[in-house]
Protein backbone atom coordinates (compact mmCIF):
# COMPACT_ATOMS: atom_id res chain seq x y z
CA MET A 1 0.00 0.00 0.00
CA THR A 2 1.42 3.37 -0.89
CA ALA A 3 0.42 6.94 -1.60
CA GLU A 4 2.72 9.90 -2.12
CA SER A 5 1.37 13.41 -2.26
CA ALA A 6 4.53 15.51 -2.02
CA ALA A 7 6.80 16.32 -4.96
CA PRO A 8 8.72 13.05 -5.31
CA ALA A 9 12.46 12.61 -5.01
CA HIS A 10 14.23 10.99 -7.93
CA ARG A 11 13.97 7.21 -8.01
CA PRO A 12 16.63 4.80 -9.24
CA LEU A 13 16.24 4.09 -12.95
CA PRO A 14 16.58 0.75 -14.68
CA ASP A 15 19.97 0.20 -16.27
CA LEU A 16 19.01 1.22 -19.81
CA GLY A 17 22.56 1.21 -21.13
CA ARG A 18 23.71 3.88 -23.52
CA VAL A 19 21.84 2.76 -26.64
CA GLY A 20 18.44 1.15 -26.97
CA LEU A 21 15.88 0.66 -29.72
CA TRP A 22 12.61 2.51 -30.32
CA THR A 23 10.15 0.76 -32.60
CA SER A 24 6.57 0.85 -33.80
CA ALA A 25 6.97 -2.59 -35.35
CA PHE A 26 6.17 -4.53 -32.18
CA ASP A 27 2.48 -3.59 -32.46
CA PHE A 28 2.28 -5.33 -35.83
CA LEU A 29 4.02 -8.57 -34.92
CA PRO A 30 1.97 -11.64 -33.99
CA VAL A 31 2.60 -12.44 -30.34
CA PRO A 32 4.84 -15.49 -30.98
CA ARG A 33 7.07 -13.44 -33.29
CA LEU A 34 7.07 -10.55 -30.83
CA ARG A 35 8.37 -12.89 -28.15
CA ASP A 36 11.10 -14.28 -30.42
CA THR A 37 12.15 -10.82 -31.59
CA ALA A 38 12.38 -9.45 -28.04
CA ALA A 39 14.53 -12.42 -27.02
CA GLU A 40 16.89 -11.86 -29.95
CA LEU A 41 17.23 -8.12 -29.28
CA ASP A 42 18.02 -8.96 -25.68
CA ALA A 43 20.75 -11.34 -26.84
CA LEU A 44 22.15 -8.72 -29.24
CA GLY A 45 22.92 -6.51 -26.26
CA TYR A 46 20.69 -3.48 -26.77
CA GLY A 47 20.20 -1.51 -23.58
CA ALA A 48 16.42 -1.08 -23.65
CA LEU A 49 13.32 -1.42 -25.82
CA TRP A 50 10.92 1.50 -26.33
CA TRP A 51 7.62 1.89 -28.19
CA GLY A 52 4.69 4.29 -28.34
CA GLU A 53 0.97 3.94 -27.78
CA THR A 54 -1.62 4.91 -30.38
CA VAL A 55 -3.97 2.27 -31.78
CA GLY A 56 -1.89 -0.87 -31.34
CA ARG A 57 -1.57 -3.09 -28.30
CA GLU A 58 -2.31 -1.75 -24.86
CA THR A 59 1.16 -0.64 -23.79
CA PHE A 60 1.43 -2.28 -20.37
CA THR A 61 0.18 -5.59 -21.72
CA GLN A 62 2.85 -5.42 -24.41
CA ALA A 63 5.47 -4.57 -21.80
CA LEU A 64 4.60 -7.72 -19.90
CA LEU A 65 4.84 -9.81 -23.09
CA VAL A 66 8.30 -8.42 -23.83
CA LEU A 67 9.59 -8.67 -20.26
CA GLU A 68 8.52 -12.29 -20.01
CA SER A 69 10.16 -13.11 -23.35
CA ALA A 70 13.60 -11.64 -22.64
CA PRO A 71 15.56 -12.35 -19.46
CA ARG A 72 17.65 -9.16 -19.22
CA ILE A 73 16.57 -6.14 -21.24
CA PRO A 74 14.53 -3.35 -19.63
CA VAL A 75 11.51 -1.87 -21.39
CA ALA A 76 10.16 1.67 -21.43
CA THR A 77 6.87 3.09 -22.62
CA GLY A 78 7.60 5.90 -25.02
CA ILE A 79 4.97 6.92 -24.21
CA ALA A 80 2.01 5.63 -22.22
CA ASN A 81 -0.80 7.99 -23.19
CA VAL A 82 -2.39 9.69 -20.16
CA TRP A 83 -5.69 9.81 -22.06
CA ALA A 84 -5.78 6.00 -22.31
CA ARG A 85 -6.32 5.28 -18.59
CA ASP A 86 -6.62 7.10 -15.32
CA ALA A 87 -3.73 7.56 -12.92
CA VAL A 88 -4.86 4.77 -10.58
CA ALA A 89 -4.81 2.24 -13.43
CA THR A 90 -1.39 3.45 -14.60
CA ASN A 91 -0.02 3.24 -11.08
CA GLY A 92 -1.31 -0.29 -10.69
CA ALA A 93 0.04 -1.43 -14.05
CA ALA A 94 3.50 0.06 -13.52
CA ARG A 95 3.83 -1.37 -10.03
CA THR A 96 2.68 -4.80 -11.21
CA LEU A 97 5.35 -4.84 -13.91
CA LEU A 98 8.05 -3.85 -11.44
CA ASP A 99 6.82 -6.40 -8.93
CA ALA A 100 7.05 -9.12 -11.58
CA HIS A 101 10.32 -7.87 -13.10
CA PRO A 102 12.18 -5.71 -10.58
CA GLY A 103 14.40 -2.99 -12.02
CA ARG A 104 13.37 -3.59 -15.64
CA PHE A 105 10.54 -1.15 -16.33
CA LEU A 106 10.55 2.60 -16.93
CA LEU A 107 7.24 4.45 -17.11
CA GLY A 108 7.26 7.03 -19.89
CA LEU A 109 4.18 9.27 -19.82
CA GLY A 110 2.89 11.78 -22.34
CA VAL A 111 -0.09 13.99 -23.14
CA SER A 112 -0.25 12.86 -26.80
CA HIS A 113 -1.65 15.23 -29.45
CA GLN A 114 -4.95 16.93 -30.14
CA PRO A 115 -5.84 15.07 -33.40
CA LEU A 116 -5.12 11.72 -31.77
CA VAL A 117 -6.98 12.48 -28.55
CA GLU A 118 -10.06 14.11 -30.09
CA GLY A 119 -10.12 12.15 -33.34
CA LEU A 120 -9.14 8.59 -32.42
CA ARG A 121 -10.40 8.23 -28.87
CA PRO A 122 -14.19 8.11 -28.28
CA GLY A 123 -15.83 9.97 -25.45
CA GLY A 124 -15.84 13.62 -26.44
CA ASN A 125 -12.32 14.37 -25.23
CA VAL A 126 -11.17 17.98 -25.39
CA TYR A 127 -7.43 18.48 -25.70
CA ASP A 128 -6.79 21.60 -23.66
CA LYS A 129 -4.00 22.84 -21.37
CA PRO A 130 -1.78 19.75 -21.63
CA LEU A 131 0.70 21.02 -19.04
CA ALA A 132 -2.04 21.41 -16.43
CA LEU A 133 -3.39 17.97 -17.37
CA MET A 134 -0.01 16.37 -16.80
CA LYS A 135 0.37 18.07 -13.42
CA ARG A 136 -3.02 16.72 -12.32
CA TYR A 137 -2.14 13.27 -13.63
CA LEU A 138 1.13 13.22 -11.68
CA ASP A 139 -0.76 14.29 -8.58
CA GLY A 140 -3.07 11.34 -9.17
CA LEU A 141 -0.16 8.94 -9.55
CA ASP A 142 1.53 10.17 -6.40
CA GLY A 143 -1.69 9.88 -4.43
CA ALA A 144 -2.82 6.51 -5.78
CA LEU A 145 -3.19 3.55 -3.43
CA TYR A 146 -1.89 0.10 -4.34
CA PHE A 147 -2.92 -2.90 -2.24
CA ALA A 148 -1.47 -5.73 -4.32
CA ALA A 149 1.80 -5.99 -2.39
CA GLU A 150 2.76 -6.00 1.27
CA GLY A 151 4.65 -3.09 2.74
CA GLU A 152 5.74 0.19 1.24
CA LEU A 153 6.89 0.17 -2.37
CA PRO A 154 8.94 2.95 -3.98
CA ARG A 155 7.21 4.99 -6.66
CA PRO A 156 7.89 3.55 -10.14
CA PRO A 157 10.58 5.57 -11.93
CA ARG A 158 9.17 7.74 -14.71
CA VAL A 159 10.08 10.16 -17.46
CA LEU A 160 7.82 12.61 -19.28
CA ALA A 161 7.52 13.11 -23.01
CA ALA A 162 8.73 16.69 -23.26
CA LEU A 163 9.70 19.04 -26.06
CA GLY A 164 9.00 22.61 -24.94
CA PRO A 165 10.62 24.34 -21.97
CA LYS A 166 7.59 24.20 -19.66
CA MET A 167 7.06 20.44 -20.02
CA LEU A 168 10.82 19.94 -19.63
CA GLU A 169 10.70 21.96 -16.41
CA LEU A 170 7.85 19.80 -15.16
CA ALA A 171 9.83 16.68 -16.06
CA ALA A 172 12.75 17.97 -14.00
CA GLU A 173 10.49 18.78 -11.04
CA ARG A 174 8.16 15.78 -10.95
CA SER A 175 9.94 12.86 -12.60
CA GLU A 176 13.36 11.33 -13.19
CA GLY A 177 13.70 13.17 -16.48
CA ALA A 178 12.44 13.42 -20.05
CA HIS A 179 11.97 11.38 -23.19
CA THR A 180 12.35 13.47 -26.36
CA TYR A 181 11.30 12.39 -29.84
CA LEU A 182 12.10 13.67 -33.36
CA VAL A 183 14.67 16.10 -32.08
CA THR A 184 18.08 17.38 -33.14
CA PRO A 185 21.29 17.47 -31.08
CA GLU A 186 20.65 21.21 -30.71
CA HIS A 187 17.37 20.44 -28.96
CA THR A 188 19.15 17.87 -26.80
CA ALA A 189 21.56 20.57 -25.62
CA GLU A 190 18.63 22.86 -24.76
CA ALA A 191 16.81 20.06 -22.95
CA ARG A 192 19.92 19.27 -20.94
CA GLY A 193 20.08 22.88 -19.82
CA VAL A 194 16.51 22.73 -18.52
CA LEU A 195 16.72 19.27 -16.95
CA LYS A 196 20.06 19.93 -15.27
CA ASP A 197 20.90 16.55 -13.70
CA GLY A 198 17.64 14.90 -14.78
CA TYR A 199 17.75 11.86 -17.03
CA LEU A 200 17.44 12.51 -20.77
CA ALA A 201 16.43 9.67 -23.11
CA VAL A 202 16.52 10.82 -26.75
CA GLU A 203 14.91 9.05 -29.70
CA GLN A 204 17.00 9.16 -32.90
CA ALA A 205 15.54 8.06 -36.24
CA ALA A 206 17.94 6.33 -38.63
CA VAL A 207 18.01 4.70 -42.07
CA LEU A 208 20.74 2.15 -42.67
CA THR A 209 21.43 2.75 -46.37
CA ALA A 210 24.04 4.19 -48.71
CA ASP A 211 21.34 5.49 -51.06
CA ARG A 212 20.12 9.04 -50.40
CA GLU A 213 16.85 8.56 -52.28
CA THR A 214 16.00 5.59 -50.09
CA ALA A 215 16.86 7.64 -47.01
CA LEU A 216 14.69 10.57 -48.10
CA ARG A 217 11.77 8.32 -49.02
CA ARG A 218 11.81 6.51 -45.69
CA GLY A 219 12.45 9.73 -43.80
CA ARG A 220 9.44 11.41 -45.39
CA GLU A 221 7.25 8.38 -44.74
CA HIS A 222 8.27 8.57 -41.10
CA VAL A 223 8.05 12.33 -40.57
CA LYS A 224 4.89 13.00 -42.61
CA PRO A 225 2.35 11.98 -39.91
CA TYR A 226 4.02 14.28 -37.41
CA LEU A 227 3.91 17.34 -39.67
CA GLY A 228 0.26 17.86 -38.79
CA LEU A 229 0.82 17.71 -35.02
CA PRO A 230 1.27 21.16 -33.45
CA ASN A 231 3.50 19.96 -30.61
CA TYR A 232 6.15 18.85 -33.09
CA ARG A 233 5.73 21.76 -35.48
CA ASN A 234 6.08 24.27 -32.66
CA ASN A 235 9.21 22.56 -31.45
CA TRP A 236 10.78 22.63 -34.91
CA LEU A 237 9.88 26.31 -35.27
CA ARG A 238 11.68 26.98 -31.99
CA LEU A 239 14.72 25.19 -33.45
CA GLY A 240 14.83 27.54 -36.45
CA PHE A 241 12.83 25.72 -39.09
CA ASP A 242 9.96 27.50 -40.85
CA GLU A 243 6.67 26.66 -42.49
CA ALA A 244 8.38 25.98 -45.82
CA ASP A 245 10.18 23.06 -44.17
CA PHE A 246 6.82 21.40 -43.46
CA ALA A 247 5.56 21.31 -47.06
CA ASP A 248 5.54 18.26 -49.33
CA GLY A 249 6.36 15.75 -46.63
CA GLY A 250 9.22 17.77 -45.16
CA SER A 251 12.17 19.60 -46.65
CA GLU A 252 15.52 17.89 -47.07
CA ARG A 253 16.87 20.29 -44.45
CA LEU A 254 14.31 19.09 -41.92
CA LEU A 255 14.74 15.43 -42.82
CA ASP A 256 18.53 15.56 -42.59
CA ALA A 257 18.25 17.18 -39.16
CA LEU A 258 15.83 14.61 -37.78
CA VAL A 259 16.82 11.37 -39.55
CA VAL A 260 20.41 10.20 -39.87
CA TRP A 261 21.24 7.92 -42.79
CA GLY A 262 24.28 6.05 -44.04
CA ASP A 263 26.36 3.14 -42.85
CA GLU A 264 26.95 1.98 -39.29
CA ALA A 265 29.64 4.62 -38.73
CA ALA A 266 27.35 7.46 -39.87
CA ILE A 267 24.57 6.35 -37.55
CA ARG A 268 27.00 5.92 -34.67
CA ALA A 269 28.35 9.42 -35.32
CA ARG A 270 24.86 10.97 -34.92
CA VAL A 271 24.27 8.95 -31.78
CA ASP A 272 27.57 10.27 -30.43
CA GLU A 273 26.42 13.81 -31.28
CA GLN A 274 23.36 13.27 -29.15
CA PHE A 275 25.52 12.10 -26.27
CA ALA A 276 27.87 15.05 -26.67
CA ALA A 277 24.85 17.36 -26.55
CA GLY A 278 23.69 15.92 -23.23
CA ALA A 279 21.74 12.70 -23.78
CA ASP A 280 22.05 9.97 -21.14
CA HIS A 281 20.47 7.34 -23.37
CA VAL A 282 19.71 7.24 -27.10
CA CYS A 283 16.98 4.94 -28.39
CA VAL A 284 17.53 4.48 -32.11
CA GLN A 285 14.47 4.06 -34.32
CA VAL A 286 15.57 2.20 -37.46
CA LEU A 287 13.22 3.05 -40.32
CA GLY A 288 11.99 0.60 -42.92
CA GLU A 289 9.63 1.39 -45.78
CA SER A 290 6.78 1.88 -43.32
CA MET A 291 6.06 1.74 -39.61
CA VAL A 292 4.82 -1.83 -40.06
CA ASP A 293 8.25 -3.08 -41.13
CA CYS A 294 10.30 -5.01 -38.59
CA PRO A 295 13.91 -4.19 -39.60
CA ILE A 296 15.48 -7.18 -37.89
CA GLU A 297 18.42 -7.42 -40.29
CA ASP A 298 19.30 -3.75 -39.71
CA TRP A 299 19.03 -4.25 -35.95
CA ARG A 300 21.46 -7.13 -36.23
CA VAL A 301 23.93 -5.14 -38.29
CA LEU A 302 23.77 -2.09 -36.02
CA ALA A 303 24.18 -4.05 -32.80
CA ALA A 304 27.92 -4.39 -33.25
CA ALA A 305 28.35 -0.69 -34.02
CA LEU A 306 26.07 0.69 -31.33
CA VAL A 307 26.36 -1.69 -28.41
CA GLY A 308 29.27 -3.99 -29.23
């Protein structure tokens, strides 16, 4: 049983290693193949596995599937959508995962985006004042009771999806740190300045190819859905891009800034840039022709360069 109402102290994080993987592909794998893939990625030595939450599997259920399929690797929700369940349910799910697999789960939380919340989720949701919503949600988490274990349990470690300065400040104040997505090393440096000693887990998109046309095609396929989401557009505007960069699936300037392409050395160099800018952990999202693709061969090739 536990309930915490005061601003929480930082909690120990799972050992995520320096480099992990971020993927949308898990949602599209049949469960037996998901289990086999998670076990192989564990054996390849990646530090952690991350995924998002939109209209695929329920994220905590998927976390349990992955944790039970791989003996070592931690998992992180990148992110669990606060609109998908109330704080009591999230608290119970996160604590259950940590009870079953101690030290191997990181709760990543985010407010999602207006078109996804109002357009995809039934119930008449109104996406308004996301910062205030996240504050209330964190209050709910810290005050939630949990009766499924004896004695006091530490609050599950968490990071917040954060791009702008105010959400980054909240991440520094009320969580272990931040998870950033579709960002440049310049943004990473700015986020580090706001977070100070908070943990910073940065997603980095990558295309393992020597062909620029392939890289641009996959990069546009990846970036295009995000061009209509104000949270990302506003962040890119703050970084010095303009409306012209958002036309026709994204300018080459925008794509080159957000998606690294080339051989293993080129991808490792961008990852190193993110570390030099202040990242504590980089979760690489290897892009195939679509989000459905499971780029297992690329993951195998990159393992030696990124975690070997």
